[in-house]
Every structure is written in structure tokens, then in C-alpha cells.
Amino acid sequence: MIRFCKHNFTLFRFLLLILILAFALSSCFKPVQGEALPDVDGRLTLDEEKIAVFENGDPHGFWARNDRGNGHPFNCSFSRENAVVANGKLTISLTEKDGHYVGAEYRTWESTGYGFYSVKMKAARCPGVISSFFTYTGRPWDEIDIEFLGDDTTKVQFNYYTKGKGNHEYVYYLGFDASEEFHEYAFDWQEDSITWYVDGKPVYRATKDIPSTPGQIMMNIWNVADSSADWAGRFDESYLPLRAEYQWIGYQSAE
């Protein structure tokens, strides 16, 4: 009887340990949300700061790119046919046509400088696919990024370039899947800093080597070349067609 009880007690402890380990492992796979910046106020976009509201139709001052694309690490061309304003949103798509991949890029005609930039969007989910919201100058190459790497849309990558110098990547864990619902993402670009926001919450700030050249507001969807698989995952064309969706775009000048 004593042996039987000891055996049952040992078995009970073993099963309890298995349950604890299973719970711990399941927690590891749940989206984890990063912390907010403690010394920065939250900020959501005001209606008067929205420069494009897609439920009102095709906005003035924007255009869709139509060309062969950017070269490496892009692995697609861009077509204006893949950027469509309808049903209250802008949809940019990644498709396959005649053995080639076709993405989309939508941008402003005019350039803008320091200020608060925001978007309400839903990202594309697929390994090797990038969907984004950013500013870009060209020459000199200044850029500020909000990028979703489609192999894991429970996180977002912030980055910037100053005169072509990058390597400022920061990955923030959202606590949700950005491909499932619309959320607001933003950055406040000032002369001495860039602060990124998620749903009005300040989550990351950069203060070194800040870009200064005004740029176009842009958003795009594209697939990476295999040589960039370590960054964004290896592209899986079985997910096609893919889309990223945008409800509105905001900008408020710092001046």
C-alpha cells in the first residue's frame, strides 16, 4: 500500500511538471507586447491631420508607380494596376503575371519634412514579403521606415537612413498580429530625434545621426530576393495573391 501511494505521488509530480512545462511553452508562442517609452506622451492622429482618407476616394497629391522596380533586394516590378482605391481603403497587391512578380508602390508627389507621420493599415503576411509606410528622398538617401517583415507580423521593424547610412534597425513586438486588423502606426520626425508610435503609444526613439532632407511619403509591397531570406524569410509564392490595406494617411508639419 505504501509503495503504491509513493508510486502514485511520483506519477502525480511528473504529470504536474509536464503541465507546467506545457503552459510555459505555450506562453512563449503568444505575441509579447513591448514596453512604452516612460518619458514621452502618447499621441493619436487627429482628423484634421489626415491628408488622405481612402473612404473618400482617390486622394489628391498621390500616385502609383509603374516600372521595373528597384533591383536587389527587390524581386518584383511595380504596377499601378496593383494599387487600387476602393471600398473605403487603398489596397496594394503582390501578384504573379507571365512568370514575373508584380508589386505596388503608392506615394505623394510632394516632399515633406519634420513632422508627425501616421497611417492606419493592415500588413501582408507571407515569408519574404515586405509591406510598409515610410519617407524617402533619393538624393541624398534619407529614409524613415515602418516595415512589416511578412514571416512574422506580430512584430514591426523601425529603421532609418541618413545620407545612405542605415543599420539602425529596431524590432518592436506588437502583442497582436498586424495582418489581422487595422492599427495606427506613426513616427514623429524632429531635428534631433525620431519617435515611433503604435496605436498612439510611443515605443521607440532614435537620437543619433537623424536624417534632415524632406522626402515623399510612400507605402509599398514587394518580395525579397533569395539572398535576403535571412532578413525577411524565404519568399513563398503559394501565398499569392497578397495585399496590404490602408484606411488613411496623416501628416502634421512640425513648423
Protein backbone atom coordinates (compact mmCIF):
# COMPACT_ATOMS: atom_id res chain seq x y z
CA MET A 1 0.00 0.00 0.00
CA ILE A 2 2.82 2.40 0.90
CA ARG A 3 4.68 1.53 -2.31
CA PHE A 4 1.52 2.10 -4.32
CA CYS A 5 1.00 5.54 -2.75
CA LYS A 6 4.60 6.53 -3.35
CA HIS A 7 4.29 5.43 -6.95
CA ASN A 8 1.13 7.46 -7.43
CA PHE A 9 2.69 10.51 -5.80
CA THR A 10 5.74 10.27 -8.08
CA LEU A 11 3.49 9.94 -11.12
CA PHE A 12 1.43 12.94 -9.96
CA ARG A 13 4.55 15.11 -9.61
CA PHE A 14 5.71 14.02 -13.07
CA LEU A 15 2.36 14.90 -14.67
CA LEU A 16 2.30 18.22 -12.82
CA LEU A 17 5.76 19.05 -14.15
CA ILE A 18 4.60 18.23 -17.70
CA LEU A 19 1.61 20.56 -17.33
CA ILE A 20 3.81 23.39 -16.03
CA LEU A 21 6.25 22.98 -18.90
CA ALA A 22 3.41 22.87 -21.45
CA PHE A 23 1.94 26.09 -20.06
CA ALA A 24 5.34 27.80 -20.12
CA LEU A 25 5.99 26.75 -23.71
CA SER A 26 2.55 27.87 -24.87
CA SER A 27 3.19 31.27 -23.33
CA CYS A 28 6.37 31.59 -25.36
CA PHE A 29 4.39 31.44 -28.59
CA LYS A 30 1.88 34.12 -27.64
CA PRO A 31 2.60 37.61 -29.05
CA VAL A 32 4.52 39.64 -26.48
CA GLN A 33 3.99 43.37 -26.39
CA GLY A 34 6.93 45.72 -25.90
CA GLU A 35 7.01 48.50 -23.34
CA ALA A 36 6.08 52.14 -23.93
CA LEU A 37 8.62 54.94 -23.55
CA PRO A 38 8.16 56.25 -20.00
CA ASP A 39 9.00 59.91 -20.69
CA VAL A 40 7.01 60.53 -23.90
CA ASP A 41 3.31 61.37 -24.16
CA GLY A 42 1.02 59.24 -26.28
CA ARG A 43 -0.42 60.65 -29.48
CA LEU A 44 -3.15 59.56 -31.89
CA THR A 45 -3.79 61.20 -35.25
CA LEU A 46 -6.43 63.94 -35.30
CA ASP A 47 -8.95 64.05 -38.15
CA GLU A 48 -7.53 67.37 -39.38
CA GLU A 49 -4.08 65.77 -39.68
CA LYS A 50 -5.25 63.13 -42.18
CA ILE A 51 -4.10 64.06 -45.67
CA ALA A 52 -5.62 61.02 -47.40
CA VAL A 53 -8.81 59.28 -46.26
CA PHE A 54 -9.48 56.47 -48.71
CA GLU A 55 -13.16 56.09 -47.90
CA ASN A 56 -13.48 59.47 -49.64
CA GLY A 57 -11.98 58.09 -52.86
CA ASP A 58 -8.67 58.57 -54.64
CA PRO A 59 -6.87 61.44 -52.85
CA HIS A 60 -5.25 64.44 -54.48
CA GLY A 61 -1.43 64.53 -54.45
CA PHE A 62 -0.69 60.78 -54.64
CA TRP A 63 0.32 58.49 -57.48
CA ALA A 64 1.09 54.80 -58.10
CA ARG A 65 4.43 53.74 -59.51
CA ASN A 66 4.61 51.78 -62.78
CA ASP A 67 8.09 50.46 -63.71
CA ARG A 68 10.57 47.61 -63.47
CA GLY A 69 11.32 48.14 -59.79
CA ASN A 70 14.40 48.88 -57.73
CA GLY A 71 16.71 45.93 -58.33
CA HIS A 72 18.25 43.96 -55.48
CA PRO A 73 16.90 43.08 -52.91
CA PHE A 74 13.55 43.70 -54.63
CA ASN A 75 12.35 40.74 -56.67
CA CYS A 76 9.41 42.34 -58.46
CA SER A 77 8.32 45.15 -60.73
CA PHE A 78 5.68 47.73 -59.76
CA SER A 79 2.35 48.21 -61.50
CA ARG A 80 -0.23 50.95 -60.95
CA GLU A 81 -2.87 48.26 -61.56
CA ASN A 82 -1.86 46.74 -58.21
CA ALA A 83 -2.68 49.92 -56.28
CA VAL A 84 -6.45 50.33 -56.04
CA VAL A 85 -8.59 52.73 -54.01
CA ALA A 86 -12.00 51.11 -53.48
CA ASN A 87 -14.37 50.02 -50.74
CA GLY A 88 -13.06 52.61 -48.31
CA LYS A 89 -9.37 51.68 -48.47
CA LEU A 90 -6.20 51.61 -50.54
CA THR A 91 -5.18 48.05 -51.42
CA ILE A 92 -1.69 47.39 -52.74
CA SER A 93 -1.11 43.88 -54.04
CA LEU A 94 1.68 41.44 -54.87
CA THR A 95 0.79 39.12 -57.73
CA GLU A 96 2.34 36.91 -60.41
CA LYS A 97 1.98 37.70 -64.10
CA ASP A 98 3.62 35.89 -67.03
CA GLY A 99 6.22 34.29 -64.78
CA HIS A 100 7.16 37.55 -63.04
CA TYR A 101 6.22 39.00 -59.65
CA VAL A 102 4.41 42.33 -59.62
CA GLY A 103 4.15 44.54 -56.53
CA ALA A 104 2.86 48.05 -55.89
CA GLU A 105 4.09 51.38 -54.57
CA TYR A 106 1.97 54.42 -53.72
CA ARG A 107 3.48 57.81 -52.91
CA THR A 108 3.00 61.57 -52.68
CA TRP A 109 4.07 63.93 -55.45
CA GLU A 110 5.39 66.49 -52.98
CA SER A 111 8.10 66.12 -50.34
CA THR A 112 7.59 66.91 -46.66
CA GLY A 113 9.98 67.49 -43.78
CA TYR A 114 9.94 67.35 -40.00
CA GLY A 115 6.59 66.44 -38.51
CA PHE A 116 4.24 63.70 -37.36
CA TYR A 117 3.58 60.94 -39.94
CA SER A 118 0.91 58.31 -39.42
CA VAL A 119 -1.05 55.56 -41.13
CA LYS A 120 -3.81 53.12 -40.34
CA MET A 121 -3.03 49.90 -42.13
CA LYS A 122 -3.14 46.12 -42.19
CA ALA A 123 0.08 44.34 -43.16
CA ALA A 124 0.62 41.45 -45.59
CA ARG A 125 1.59 38.12 -44.08
CA CYS A 126 3.90 35.86 -46.10
CA PRO A 127 7.56 34.85 -45.68
CA GLY A 128 9.80 37.04 -47.80
CA VAL A 129 7.27 39.86 -48.30
CA ILE A 130 7.59 43.45 -47.05
CA SER A 131 4.69 45.85 -46.56
CA SER A 132 5.47 49.34 -45.37
CA PHE A 133 4.94 53.03 -44.64
CA PHE A 134 7.94 55.37 -44.93
CA THR A 135 9.51 58.58 -46.18
CA TYR A 136 12.22 58.58 -48.86
CA THR A 137 14.31 61.24 -50.58
CA GLY A 138 16.51 59.53 -53.20
CA ARG A 139 19.42 62.01 -53.32
CA PRO A 140 20.75 62.23 -50.72
CA TRP A 141 19.34 58.92 -49.50
CA ASP A 142 17.40 59.84 -46.37
CA GLU A 143 14.63 57.47 -45.27
CA ILE A 144 12.48 56.68 -42.22
CA ASP A 145 10.76 53.28 -42.14
CA ILE A 146 7.89 51.35 -40.65
CA GLU A 147 8.26 47.88 -42.16
CA PHE A 148 6.45 44.58 -41.64
CA LEU A 149 8.51 41.50 -42.43
CA GLY A 150 5.87 39.03 -43.54
CA ASP A 151 7.38 35.94 -41.93
CA ASP A 152 6.25 37.25 -38.52
CA THR A 153 3.64 40.01 -38.45
CA THR A 154 3.44 40.05 -34.64
CA LYS A 155 6.38 42.47 -34.79
CA VAL A 156 7.35 45.57 -36.73
CA GLN A 157 10.74 46.88 -37.78
CA PHE A 158 11.70 50.55 -37.43
CA ASN A 159 14.70 51.86 -39.33
CA TYR A 160 16.19 54.99 -40.91
CA TYR A 161 18.91 56.06 -43.32
CA THR A 162 20.91 59.27 -43.28
CA LYS A 163 22.82 60.04 -46.49
CA GLY A 164 22.74 56.36 -47.34
CA LYS A 165 23.91 55.12 -43.95
CA GLY A 166 21.50 52.67 -42.31
CA ASN A 167 21.92 49.80 -39.83
CA HIS A 168 19.54 51.43 -37.36
CA GLU A 169 17.04 48.56 -37.31
CA TYR A 170 14.89 48.08 -34.22
CA VAL A 171 12.26 45.33 -33.88
CA TYR A 172 9.24 46.00 -31.68
CA TYR A 173 6.92 43.22 -30.50
CA LEU A 174 3.33 44.31 -31.07
CA GLY A 175 1.34 41.91 -28.91
CA PHE A 176 -1.01 41.29 -31.87
CA ASP A 177 -0.88 40.14 -35.48
CA ALA A 178 -0.63 43.20 -37.75
CA SER A 179 -2.09 41.24 -40.69
CA GLU A 180 -5.42 40.57 -38.97
CA GLU A 181 -6.78 44.04 -38.16
CA PHE A 182 -6.15 47.71 -38.89
CA HIS A 183 -3.88 49.54 -36.43
CA GLU A 184 -2.36 53.00 -36.30
CA TYR A 185 1.42 53.34 -36.74
CA ALA A 186 3.32 56.62 -36.70
CA PHE A 187 6.63 58.40 -36.29
CA ASP A 188 7.41 61.91 -35.08
CA TRP A 189 10.41 63.21 -37.03
CA GLN A 190 12.18 66.12 -35.37
CA GLU A 191 15.57 67.69 -35.97
CA ASP A 192 17.14 65.84 -33.03
CA SER A 193 15.04 62.64 -32.82
CA ILE A 194 12.60 60.17 -34.36
CA THR A 195 9.93 58.65 -32.11
CA TRP A 196 7.81 55.73 -33.35
CA TYR A 197 4.27 55.02 -32.12
CA VAL A 198 1.88 52.06 -32.20
CA ASP A 199 -1.81 52.79 -31.62
CA GLY A 200 -0.87 56.11 -30.04
CA LYS A 201 1.73 54.64 -27.70
CA PRO A 202 5.36 55.82 -28.03
CA VAL A 203 7.51 52.70 -28.27
CA TYR A 204 10.96 53.63 -29.59
CA ARG A 205 13.14 56.72 -30.03
CA ALA A 206 16.33 57.32 -32.04
CA THR A 207 18.54 60.36 -31.36
CA LYS A 208 21.74 59.78 -33.35
CA ASP A 209 22.53 60.82 -36.93
CA ILE A 210 18.95 61.88 -37.70
CA PRO A 211 18.05 62.48 -41.39
CA SER A 212 17.21 66.04 -42.42
CA THR A 213 16.17 66.01 -46.10
CA PRO A 214 12.43 66.28 -46.91
CA GLY A 215 11.06 63.21 -48.66
CA GLN A 216 8.00 61.69 -50.26
CA ILE A 217 5.50 59.75 -48.16
CA MET A 218 5.40 56.20 -49.52
CA MET A 219 4.00 52.73 -48.98
CA ASN A 220 4.73 49.56 -50.89
CA ILE A 221 4.51 45.78 -51.03
CA TRP A 222 7.26 43.65 -52.53
CA ASN A 223 9.02 40.29 -52.25
CA VAL A 224 12.70 39.89 -51.43
CA ALA A 225 15.32 38.04 -53.43
CA ASP A 226 16.52 34.71 -52.02
CA SER A 227 19.78 36.34 -50.95
CA SER A 228 17.79 38.41 -48.40
CA ALA A 229 15.94 35.44 -46.90
CA ASP A 230 17.88 35.77 -43.64
CA TRP A 231 16.27 39.18 -43.16
CA ALA A 232 12.66 38.63 -44.18
CA GLY A 233 12.29 34.89 -44.73
CA ARG A 234 12.35 32.96 -48.00
CA PHE A 235 9.53 34.05 -50.29
CA ASP A 236 6.71 31.50 -50.64
CA GLU A 237 4.72 32.16 -53.81
CA SER A 238 1.96 29.77 -52.72
CA TYR A 239 0.59 32.69 -50.63
CA LEU A 240 -0.13 34.76 -53.76
CA PRO A 241 -2.03 36.94 -54.36
CA LEU A 242 -1.14 39.10 -51.33
CA ARG A 243 -2.28 42.52 -50.22
CA ALA A 244 -1.65 45.24 -47.68
CA GLU A 245 -4.51 47.61 -46.90
CA TYR A 246 -4.60 51.26 -45.81
CA GLN A 247 -7.51 53.30 -44.44
CA TRP A 248 -5.83 56.71 -44.18
CA ILE A 249 -2.53 58.61 -44.11
CA GLY A 250 -1.69 61.50 -41.79
CA TYR A 251 0.89 64.28 -41.71
CA GLN A 252 1.27 67.29 -39.44
CA SER A 253 4.21 69.60 -40.06
CA ALA A 254 6.49 70.37 -37.12
CA GLU A 255 6.51 74.06 -38.07
